[in-house]
């Protein structure tokens, strides 16, 4: 896909469809350790750090889930990050996954969880779908 990315931005810019560094962010969070704004900020930072430039119809999708462990002092978390593309199956549109990365672990605080989200997003971007 790297070869196609050389020509694709020129075509999309000529059509006015995308600007460098723009992409959609889809997010889901079932973790009260972080806010939606925190999650969006980390996703955008990971995209900026890696030079992500997705065309229209593609998005970064991040899901974060966490729950207290048995002792209640730490949180067990799961992070799923994916690059998705919107496809048309006749009459219906849906999102399909092009690259996916999952991270999991335990944390006692927000900073560690957000750092892991950043690493997971960065790793899915490096898969070059």
N, C-alpha and C. Protein backbone atom coordinates (compact mmCIF):
# COMPACT_ATOMS: atom_id res chain seq x y z
N UNK A 1 0.83 -1.19 0.00
CA UNK A 1 0.00 0.00 0.00
C UNK A 1 0.87 1.25 0.00
N UNK A 2 2.11 1.13 0.42
CA UNK A 2 3.00 2.29 0.50
C UNK A 2 3.17 2.91 -0.89
N UNK A 3 3.25 2.09 -1.94
CA UNK A 3 3.40 2.60 -3.30
C UNK A 3 2.17 3.41 -3.70
N UNK A 4 0.99 2.92 -3.33
CA UNK A 4 -0.24 3.62 -3.65
C UNK A 4 -0.37 4.93 -2.90
N UNK A 5 0.22 5.00 -1.71
CA UNK A 5 0.12 6.21 -0.91
C UNK A 5 0.86 7.39 -1.54
N UNK A 6 1.80 7.11 -2.43
CA UNK A 6 2.51 8.19 -3.11
C UNK A 6 1.57 8.92 -4.06
N UNK A 7 0.77 8.19 -4.80
CA UNK A 7 -0.15 8.79 -5.77
C UNK A 7 -1.48 9.19 -5.15
N UNK A 8 -1.94 8.44 -4.18
CA UNK A 8 -3.25 8.69 -3.59
C UNK A 8 -3.41 10.08 -3.01
N UNK A 9 -2.46 10.61 -2.23
CA UNK A 9 -2.65 11.96 -1.68
C UNK A 9 -2.77 13.02 -2.78
N UNK A 10 -2.05 12.85 -3.89
CA UNK A 10 -2.15 13.82 -4.98
C UNK A 10 -3.54 13.82 -5.58
N UNK A 11 -4.11 12.63 -5.77
CA UNK A 11 -5.46 12.53 -6.32
C UNK A 11 -6.47 13.11 -5.36
N UNK A 12 -6.35 12.77 -4.07
CA UNK A 12 -7.32 13.24 -3.09
C UNK A 12 -7.21 14.75 -2.87
N UNK A 13 -5.98 15.28 -2.87
CA UNK A 13 -5.82 16.72 -2.70
C UNK A 13 -6.39 17.46 -3.89
N UNK A 14 -6.21 16.91 -5.07
CA UNK A 14 -6.77 17.54 -6.26
C UNK A 14 -8.29 17.57 -6.19
N UNK A 15 -8.86 16.55 -5.60
CA UNK A 15 -10.32 16.48 -5.46
C UNK A 15 -10.80 17.26 -4.25
N UNK A 16 -9.88 17.72 -3.41
CA UNK A 16 -10.26 18.48 -2.21
C UNK A 16 -10.83 17.61 -1.11
N UNK A 17 -10.54 16.32 -1.14
CA UNK A 17 -11.16 15.40 -0.19
C UNK A 17 -10.44 15.33 1.15
N UNK A 18 -9.14 15.58 1.17
CA UNK A 18 -8.41 15.38 2.42
C UNK A 18 -7.23 16.35 2.49
N UNK A 19 -6.85 16.70 3.71
CA UNK A 19 -5.66 17.49 3.94
C UNK A 19 -4.68 16.63 4.72
N UNK A 20 -3.40 16.92 4.60
CA UNK A 20 -2.39 16.11 5.28
C UNK A 20 -2.65 16.06 6.77
N UNK A 21 -2.56 14.85 7.32
CA UNK A 21 -2.72 14.67 8.75
C UNK A 21 -4.16 14.63 9.23
N UNK A 22 -5.10 14.54 8.32
CA UNK A 22 -6.50 14.48 8.75
C UNK A 22 -7.00 13.04 8.68
N UNK A 23 -7.82 12.70 9.63
CA UNK A 23 -8.45 11.40 9.65
C UNK A 23 -9.55 11.42 10.70
N UNK A 24 -10.47 10.49 10.56
CA UNK A 24 -11.57 10.38 11.51
C UNK A 24 -11.16 9.51 12.69
N UNK A 25 -11.72 9.82 13.83
CA UNK A 25 -11.49 9.03 15.03
C UNK A 25 -12.82 8.49 15.52
N UNK A 26 -12.91 7.18 15.63
CA UNK A 26 -14.07 6.52 16.22
C UNK A 26 -13.60 5.97 17.55
N UNK A 27 -14.36 6.18 18.60
CA UNK A 27 -13.91 5.69 19.90
C UNK A 27 -15.06 5.15 20.72
N UNK A 28 -14.72 4.17 21.53
CA UNK A 28 -15.64 3.60 22.50
C UNK A 28 -14.84 3.40 23.78
N UNK A 29 -15.41 3.79 24.90
CA UNK A 29 -14.71 3.61 26.16
C UNK A 29 -15.68 3.17 27.24
N UNK A 30 -15.34 2.08 27.87
CA UNK A 30 -16.06 1.61 29.04
C UNK A 30 -15.08 1.57 30.20
N UNK A 31 -14.44 2.72 30.40
CA UNK A 31 -13.42 2.83 31.43
C UNK A 31 -13.51 4.21 32.05
N UNK A 32 -13.85 4.28 33.32
CA UNK A 32 -14.01 5.58 33.95
C UNK A 32 -12.68 6.22 34.36
N UNK A 33 -11.55 5.58 34.05
CA UNK A 33 -10.25 6.18 34.32
C UNK A 33 -9.92 7.31 33.35
N UNK A 34 -10.48 7.24 32.14
CA UNK A 34 -10.16 8.25 31.12
C UNK A 34 -11.45 8.84 30.55
N UNK A 35 -11.34 10.08 30.09
CA UNK A 35 -12.48 10.75 29.47
C UNK A 35 -12.39 10.59 27.96
N UNK A 36 -13.49 10.78 27.26
CA UNK A 36 -13.44 10.75 25.79
C UNK A 36 -12.45 11.77 25.22
N UNK A 37 -12.34 12.94 25.85
CA UNK A 37 -11.39 13.96 25.38
C UNK A 37 -9.95 13.47 25.54
N UNK A 38 -9.65 12.79 26.66
CA UNK A 38 -8.31 12.22 26.86
C UNK A 38 -7.98 11.21 25.77
N UNK A 39 -8.95 10.35 25.48
CA UNK A 39 -8.75 9.31 24.48
C UNK A 39 -8.53 9.92 23.10
N UNK A 40 -9.32 10.91 22.74
CA UNK A 40 -9.16 11.58 21.44
C UNK A 40 -7.80 12.24 21.35
N UNK A 41 -7.38 12.91 22.42
CA UNK A 41 -6.08 13.59 22.43
C UNK A 41 -4.94 12.60 22.21
N UNK A 42 -4.99 11.45 22.87
CA UNK A 42 -3.93 10.45 22.73
C UNK A 42 -3.93 9.86 21.32
N UNK A 43 -5.11 9.60 20.77
CA UNK A 43 -5.19 9.06 19.41
C UNK A 43 -4.60 10.06 18.42
N UNK A 44 -4.97 11.32 18.54
CA UNK A 44 -4.44 12.36 17.64
C UNK A 44 -2.92 12.50 17.79
N UNK A 45 -2.40 12.41 19.03
CA UNK A 45 -0.96 12.51 19.25
C UNK A 45 -0.23 11.33 18.60
N UNK A 46 -0.77 10.13 18.75
CA UNK A 46 -0.15 8.96 18.12
C UNK A 46 -0.16 9.11 16.60
N UNK A 47 -1.25 9.64 16.06
CA UNK A 47 -1.32 9.88 14.62
C UNK A 47 -0.31 10.90 14.16
N UNK A 48 -0.16 11.98 14.92
CA UNK A 48 0.81 13.02 14.57
C UNK A 48 2.24 12.49 14.69
N UNK A 49 2.52 11.70 15.72
CA UNK A 49 3.86 11.16 15.93
C UNK A 49 4.29 10.20 14.81
N UNK A 50 3.32 9.52 14.20
CA UNK A 50 3.64 8.55 13.15
C UNK A 50 3.40 9.09 11.75
N UNK A 51 2.87 10.31 11.64
CA UNK A 51 2.61 10.89 10.32
C UNK A 51 1.41 10.28 9.63
N UNK A 52 0.45 9.81 10.40
CA UNK A 52 -0.73 9.17 9.83
C UNK A 52 -1.49 10.14 8.93
N UNK A 53 -1.88 9.67 7.77
CA UNK A 53 -2.66 10.47 6.82
C UNK A 53 -3.61 9.52 6.11
N UNK A 54 -4.81 9.34 6.66
CA UNK A 54 -5.78 8.43 6.08
C UNK A 54 -6.71 9.18 5.12
N UNK A 55 -7.05 8.57 4.01
CA UNK A 55 -8.00 9.21 3.09
C UNK A 55 -9.42 9.18 3.65
N UNK A 56 -10.28 9.94 3.03
CA UNK A 56 -11.69 9.97 3.42
C UNK A 56 -12.27 8.56 3.31
N UNK A 57 -13.11 8.20 4.24
CA UNK A 57 -13.68 6.86 4.25
C UNK A 57 -12.90 5.87 5.08
N UNK A 58 -11.80 6.33 5.70
CA UNK A 58 -11.03 5.48 6.60
C UNK A 58 -10.94 6.19 7.95
N UNK A 59 -10.77 5.40 9.01
CA UNK A 59 -10.75 5.98 10.36
C UNK A 59 -9.92 5.11 11.29
N UNK A 60 -9.46 5.75 12.36
CA UNK A 60 -8.85 5.04 13.49
C UNK A 60 -9.99 4.75 14.46
N UNK A 61 -10.11 3.52 14.89
CA UNK A 61 -11.14 3.11 15.84
C UNK A 61 -10.44 2.58 17.08
N UNK A 62 -10.74 3.15 18.22
CA UNK A 62 -10.13 2.71 19.47
C UNK A 62 -11.21 2.35 20.48
N UNK A 63 -11.04 1.22 21.12
CA UNK A 63 -11.95 0.77 22.18
C UNK A 63 -11.12 0.54 23.43
N UNK A 64 -11.59 1.07 24.55
CA UNK A 64 -10.89 0.88 25.83
C UNK A 64 -11.91 0.35 26.83
N UNK A 65 -11.55 -0.73 27.49
CA UNK A 65 -12.37 -1.29 28.56
C UNK A 65 -11.49 -1.52 29.77
N UNK A 66 -12.03 -1.25 30.95
CA UNK A 66 -11.27 -1.54 32.17
C UNK A 66 -12.24 -1.87 33.30
N UNK A 67 -11.71 -2.59 34.27
CA UNK A 67 -12.49 -2.97 35.45
C UNK A 67 -11.54 -3.16 36.61
N UNK A 68 -12.00 -2.88 37.84
CA UNK A 68 -11.13 -3.09 39.00
C UNK A 68 -10.79 -4.57 39.17
N UNK A 69 -9.56 -4.84 39.62
CA UNK A 69 -9.19 -6.22 39.88
C UNK A 69 -9.82 -6.70 41.19
N UNK A 70 -9.53 -7.92 41.58
CA UNK A 70 -10.15 -8.50 42.77
C UNK A 70 -9.87 -7.70 44.04
N UNK A 71 -8.68 -7.15 44.16
CA UNK A 71 -8.32 -6.38 45.35
C UNK A 71 -8.89 -4.97 45.30
N UNK A 72 -9.26 -4.52 44.11
CA UNK A 72 -9.84 -3.20 43.96
C UNK A 72 -8.84 -2.05 43.94
N UNK A 73 -7.54 -2.37 43.92
CA UNK A 73 -6.52 -1.32 43.93
C UNK A 73 -5.98 -1.01 42.54
N UNK A 74 -6.12 -1.92 41.63
CA UNK A 74 -5.64 -1.74 40.26
C UNK A 74 -6.78 -2.00 39.29
N UNK A 75 -6.57 -1.62 38.05
CA UNK A 75 -7.56 -1.84 37.00
C UNK A 75 -6.96 -2.76 35.94
N UNK A 76 -7.75 -3.72 35.50
CA UNK A 76 -7.39 -4.58 34.38
C UNK A 76 -7.98 -3.93 33.14
N UNK A 77 -7.17 -3.73 32.09
CA UNK A 77 -7.67 -3.03 30.90
C UNK A 77 -7.41 -3.83 29.63
N UNK A 78 -8.22 -3.53 28.62
CA UNK A 78 -8.05 -4.04 27.27
C UNK A 78 -8.22 -2.87 26.32
N UNK A 79 -7.30 -2.76 25.36
CA UNK A 79 -7.35 -1.70 24.36
C UNK A 79 -7.34 -2.37 23.00
N UNK A 80 -8.31 -2.04 22.17
CA UNK A 80 -8.34 -2.53 20.80
C UNK A 80 -8.26 -1.32 19.88
N UNK A 81 -7.27 -1.30 19.02
CA UNK A 81 -7.13 -0.22 18.05
C UNK A 81 -7.18 -0.83 16.66
N UNK A 82 -7.83 -0.13 15.75
CA UNK A 82 -7.95 -0.64 14.39
C UNK A 82 -7.98 0.52 13.40
N UNK A 83 -7.48 0.25 12.21
CA UNK A 83 -7.69 1.16 11.09
C UNK A 83 -8.81 0.51 10.29
N UNK A 84 -9.87 1.26 10.08
CA UNK A 84 -11.05 0.73 9.40
C UNK A 84 -11.36 1.54 8.16
N UNK A 85 -12.01 0.87 7.21
CA UNK A 85 -12.41 1.51 5.96
C UNK A 85 -13.90 1.30 5.77
N UNK A 86 -14.55 2.34 5.31
CA UNK A 86 -15.98 2.24 5.04
C UNK A 86 -16.17 1.62 3.66
N UNK A 87 -16.94 0.53 3.61
CA UNK A 87 -17.19 -0.16 2.35
C UNK A 87 -18.69 -0.22 2.10
N UNK A 88 -19.04 -0.37 0.84
CA UNK A 88 -20.43 -0.42 0.44
C UNK A 88 -20.74 -1.82 -0.06
N UNK A 89 -21.68 -2.48 0.61
CA UNK A 89 -22.11 -3.82 0.22
C UNK A 89 -23.49 -3.73 -0.43
N UNK A 90 -23.56 -3.18 -1.61
CA UNK A 90 -24.85 -3.01 -2.26
C UNK A 90 -25.60 -1.84 -1.67
N UNK A 91 -26.59 -2.11 -0.85
CA UNK A 91 -27.40 -1.04 -0.27
C UNK A 91 -26.91 -0.57 1.09
N UNK A 92 -26.08 -1.35 1.74
CA UNK A 92 -25.65 -1.03 3.10
C UNK A 92 -24.17 -0.65 3.13
N UNK A 93 -23.84 0.31 4.01
CA UNK A 93 -22.45 0.65 4.25
C UNK A 93 -22.04 0.09 5.60
N UNK A 94 -20.78 -0.34 5.69
CA UNK A 94 -20.27 -0.86 6.95
C UNK A 94 -18.78 -0.56 7.03
N UNK A 95 -18.24 -0.69 8.25
CA UNK A 95 -16.82 -0.52 8.47
C UNK A 95 -16.15 -1.89 8.46
N UNK A 96 -15.02 -2.00 7.77
CA UNK A 96 -14.26 -3.24 7.77
C UNK A 96 -12.85 -2.95 8.29
N UNK A 97 -12.29 -3.87 9.03
CA UNK A 97 -10.98 -3.69 9.65
C UNK A 97 -9.87 -4.02 8.65
N UNK A 98 -8.91 -3.10 8.52
CA UNK A 98 -7.75 -3.31 7.66
C UNK A 98 -6.52 -3.72 8.48
N UNK A 99 -6.40 -3.19 9.68
CA UNK A 99 -5.29 -3.52 10.58
C UNK A 99 -5.81 -3.42 12.00
N UNK A 100 -5.32 -4.29 12.86
CA UNK A 100 -5.81 -4.30 14.24
C UNK A 100 -4.69 -4.65 15.20
N UNK A 101 -4.74 -4.04 16.38
CA UNK A 101 -3.77 -4.31 17.44
C UNK A 101 -4.52 -4.31 18.77
N UNK A 102 -4.21 -5.24 19.65
CA UNK A 102 -4.84 -5.30 20.96
C UNK A 102 -3.77 -5.24 22.04
N UNK A 103 -4.02 -4.43 23.05
CA UNK A 103 -3.13 -4.34 24.20
C UNK A 103 -3.93 -4.61 25.46
N UNK A 104 -3.28 -5.15 26.46
CA UNK A 104 -3.97 -5.42 27.73
C UNK A 104 -2.96 -5.42 28.86
N UNK A 105 -3.45 -5.24 30.06
CA UNK A 105 -2.58 -5.25 31.23
C UNK A 105 -3.30 -4.73 32.45
N UNK A 106 -2.54 -4.31 33.44
CA UNK A 106 -3.10 -3.74 34.66
C UNK A 106 -2.45 -2.39 34.92
N UNK A 107 -3.17 -1.52 35.58
CA UNK A 107 -2.65 -0.20 35.90
C UNK A 107 -3.30 0.32 37.17
N UNK A 108 -2.61 1.22 37.82
CA UNK A 108 -3.16 1.86 39.01
C UNK A 108 -3.59 3.29 38.69
N UNK A 109 -3.23 3.78 37.50
CA UNK A 109 -3.55 5.17 37.21
C UNK A 109 -3.77 5.46 35.74
N UNK A 110 -4.24 6.67 35.51
CA UNK A 110 -4.59 7.13 34.17
C UNK A 110 -3.39 7.25 33.25
N UNK A 111 -2.27 7.77 33.74
CA UNK A 111 -1.10 8.03 32.90
C UNK A 111 -0.60 6.75 32.23
N UNK A 112 -0.52 5.67 32.97
CA UNK A 112 -0.06 4.40 32.41
C UNK A 112 -1.02 3.90 31.35
N UNK A 113 -2.31 4.01 31.61
CA UNK A 113 -3.31 3.56 30.65
C UNK A 113 -3.24 4.38 29.36
N UNK A 114 -3.13 5.69 29.48
CA UNK A 114 -3.05 6.54 28.29
C UNK A 114 -1.76 6.26 27.51
N UNK A 115 -0.67 5.99 28.20
CA UNK A 115 0.58 5.65 27.51
C UNK A 115 0.41 4.35 26.73
N UNK A 116 -0.29 3.37 27.31
CA UNK A 116 -0.52 2.11 26.62
C UNK A 116 -1.45 2.30 25.42
N UNK A 117 -2.44 3.17 25.54
CA UNK A 117 -3.31 3.49 24.40
C UNK A 117 -2.45 4.05 23.27
N UNK A 118 -1.55 4.99 23.60
CA UNK A 118 -0.67 5.59 22.59
C UNK A 118 0.16 4.52 21.89
N UNK A 119 0.76 3.59 22.65
CA UNK A 119 1.58 2.55 22.05
C UNK A 119 0.75 1.63 21.17
N UNK A 120 -0.46 1.29 21.60
CA UNK A 120 -1.32 0.40 20.82
C UNK A 120 -1.73 1.06 19.51
N UNK A 121 -2.11 2.34 19.57
CA UNK A 121 -2.47 3.08 18.35
C UNK A 121 -1.26 3.17 17.43
N UNK A 122 -0.10 3.51 17.98
CA UNK A 122 1.12 3.62 17.17
C UNK A 122 1.42 2.29 16.48
N UNK A 123 1.27 1.19 17.18
CA UNK A 123 1.57 -0.12 16.61
C UNK A 123 0.60 -0.49 15.49
N UNK A 124 -0.68 -0.14 15.63
CA UNK A 124 -1.63 -0.45 14.56
C UNK A 124 -1.34 0.39 13.33
N UNK A 125 -0.91 1.64 13.52
CA UNK A 125 -0.57 2.52 12.39
C UNK A 125 0.65 1.96 11.65
N UNK A 126 1.60 1.42 12.37
CA UNK A 126 2.83 0.90 11.76
C UNK A 126 2.59 -0.37 10.95
N UNK A 127 1.42 -0.97 11.05
CA UNK A 127 1.11 -2.16 10.26
C UNK A 127 0.92 -1.83 8.78
N UNK A 128 0.78 -0.55 8.45
CA UNK A 128 0.61 -0.09 7.06
C UNK A 128 -0.43 -0.92 6.30
N UNK A 129 -1.70 -0.73 6.61
CA UNK A 129 -2.73 -1.52 5.95
C UNK A 129 -2.81 -1.22 4.45
